[in-house]
Amino acid sequence: MGYTYRYIITGKGSVMRKIITTNFGKEIAYAFVQIISSRDTVIYVIED
């Protein structure tokens, strides 16, 4: 169907978890992750 992107952003002692489901492809999702992430990011990519 599409791609489910799971990534964890850690910073300032707090952990934020966000899930993105998109049909646009990896480039769009990775670009979005880079924009919102200013610290260490762990990305899990699952293909539905």
Protein backbone atom coordinates (compact mmCIF):
# COMPACT_ATOMS: atom_id res chain seq x y z
CA MET A 1 0.00 0.00 0.00
CA GLY A 2 2.36 2.68 1.21
CA TYR A 3 5.14 3.26 3.67
CA THR A 4 4.92 3.52 7.42
CA TYR A 5 7.72 5.59 8.95
CA ARG A 6 8.43 5.32 12.65
CA TYR A 7 11.09 7.50 14.14
CA ILE A 8 12.14 8.45 17.66
CA ILE A 9 13.58 11.86 18.47
CA THR A 10 15.50 12.23 21.72
CA GLY A 11 16.56 15.52 23.21
CA LYS A 12 16.64 17.46 26.48
CA GLY A 13 15.87 14.33 28.49
CA SER A 14 12.55 13.80 26.74
CA VAL A 15 11.51 11.31 24.10
CA MET A 16 9.03 12.15 21.37
CA ARG A 17 7.52 9.40 19.23
CA LYS A 18 5.86 10.15 15.93
CA ILE A 19 4.45 7.89 13.23
CA ILE A 20 4.10 8.94 9.60
CA THR A 21 2.11 7.01 7.05
CA THR A 22 2.55 8.26 3.51
CA ASN A 23 2.16 7.14 -0.06
CA PHE A 24 4.59 9.71 -1.45
CA GLY A 25 7.71 7.63 -0.91
CA LYS A 26 10.87 7.62 1.14
CA GLU A 27 12.24 10.97 -0.06
CA ILE A 28 9.28 12.95 1.28
CA ALA A 29 9.26 11.20 4.65
CA TYR A 30 13.01 11.47 5.20
CA ALA A 31 12.93 15.16 4.25
CA PHE A 32 10.17 15.75 6.79
CA VAL A 33 12.15 13.94 9.46
CA GLN A 34 15.24 16.04 8.73
CA ILE A 35 13.27 19.28 8.99
CA ILE A 36 11.71 18.56 12.37
CA SER A 37 14.72 16.80 13.87
CA SER A 38 17.60 18.84 15.22
CA ARG A 39 19.04 16.06 17.38
CA ASP A 40 19.79 12.34 17.22
CA THR A 41 17.06 10.53 15.32
CA VAL A 42 16.42 6.82 14.97
CA ILE A 43 14.33 5.93 11.93
CA TYR A 44 12.42 2.69 11.40
CA VAL A 45 11.07 2.12 7.91
CA ILE A 46 8.32 -0.46 7.42
CA GLU A 47 6.92 -1.22 4.00
CA ASP A 48 3.21 -2.04 4.11
